[in-house]
Amino acid sequence: MEKETRKLVKSSTHSYMVNIPKEIVKKYGWKEKQKLVVEDKGNGIVLIKDWKRR
């Protein structure tokens, strides 16, 4: 998959947002309002995955 650059946007005083390309959401079958797990793997790596497939 081609790399895409996204901006980090402040959404409130305690959180930020990054838009995920539509192609990635479709590839994994994610739906709007689906629960996702965000893991900090260190060294600037962040893992996002379905919370049921931990």
Protein backbone atom coordinates (compact mmCIF):
# COMPACT_ATOMS: atom_id res chain seq x y z
CA MET A 1 0.00 0.00 0.00
CA GLU A 2 1.17 3.50 -0.82
CA LYS A 3 2.14 5.68 2.15
CA GLU A 4 -0.03 8.71 2.80
CA THR A 5 0.72 11.73 4.98
CA ARG A 6 -1.91 12.80 7.50
CA LYS A 7 -2.11 15.70 9.96
CA LEU A 8 -2.56 15.29 13.70
CA VAL A 9 -5.56 17.42 14.78
CA LYS A 10 -6.44 18.43 18.34
CA SER A 11 -10.09 17.48 19.01
CA SER A 12 -10.40 18.48 22.68
CA THR A 13 -8.20 19.37 25.62
CA HIS A 14 -7.28 15.69 26.14
CA SER A 15 -7.36 14.03 22.72
CA TYR A 16 -6.17 14.19 19.13
CA MET A 17 -7.38 12.70 15.83
CA VAL A 18 -5.77 11.28 12.71
CA ASN A 19 -7.91 10.48 9.66
CA ILE A 20 -7.51 6.94 8.34
CA PRO A 21 -7.75 6.52 4.56
CA LYS A 22 -11.04 5.01 3.34
CA GLU A 23 -9.16 2.21 1.56
CA ILE A 24 -7.69 0.95 4.86
CA VAL A 25 -11.07 1.05 6.62
CA LYS A 26 -12.63 -0.98 3.75
CA LYS A 27 -9.67 -3.43 3.66
CA TYR A 28 -10.23 -4.43 7.30
CA GLY A 29 -14.03 -4.22 7.19
CA TRP A 30 -14.18 -1.58 9.92
CA LYS A 31 -17.48 0.24 10.44
CA GLU A 32 -18.38 3.67 11.82
CA LYS A 33 -18.36 3.74 15.66
CA GLN A 34 -16.53 0.39 15.83
CA LYS A 35 -14.29 -0.07 18.87
CA LEU A 36 -10.59 -0.11 18.07
CA VAL A 37 -7.56 -0.65 20.32
CA VAL A 38 -4.65 1.81 20.04
CA GLU A 39 -1.31 0.47 21.31
CA ASP A 40 1.92 2.42 21.74
CA LYS A 41 4.69 0.07 20.60
CA GLY A 42 7.47 2.63 21.23
CA ASN A 43 9.94 4.21 18.79
CA GLY A 44 7.10 6.18 17.14
CA ILE A 45 5.08 3.08 16.24
CA VAL A 46 1.35 3.03 17.03
CA LEU A 47 -0.76 -0.08 16.33
CA ILE A 48 -4.51 0.20 15.65
CA LYS A 49 -6.62 -2.97 15.64
CA ASP A 50 -10.12 -4.34 16.20
CA TRP A 51 -10.71 -4.66 19.96
CA LYS A 52 -12.20 -8.17 19.53
CA ARG A 53 -9.02 -9.49 17.85
CA ARG A 54 -6.59 -8.57 20.60
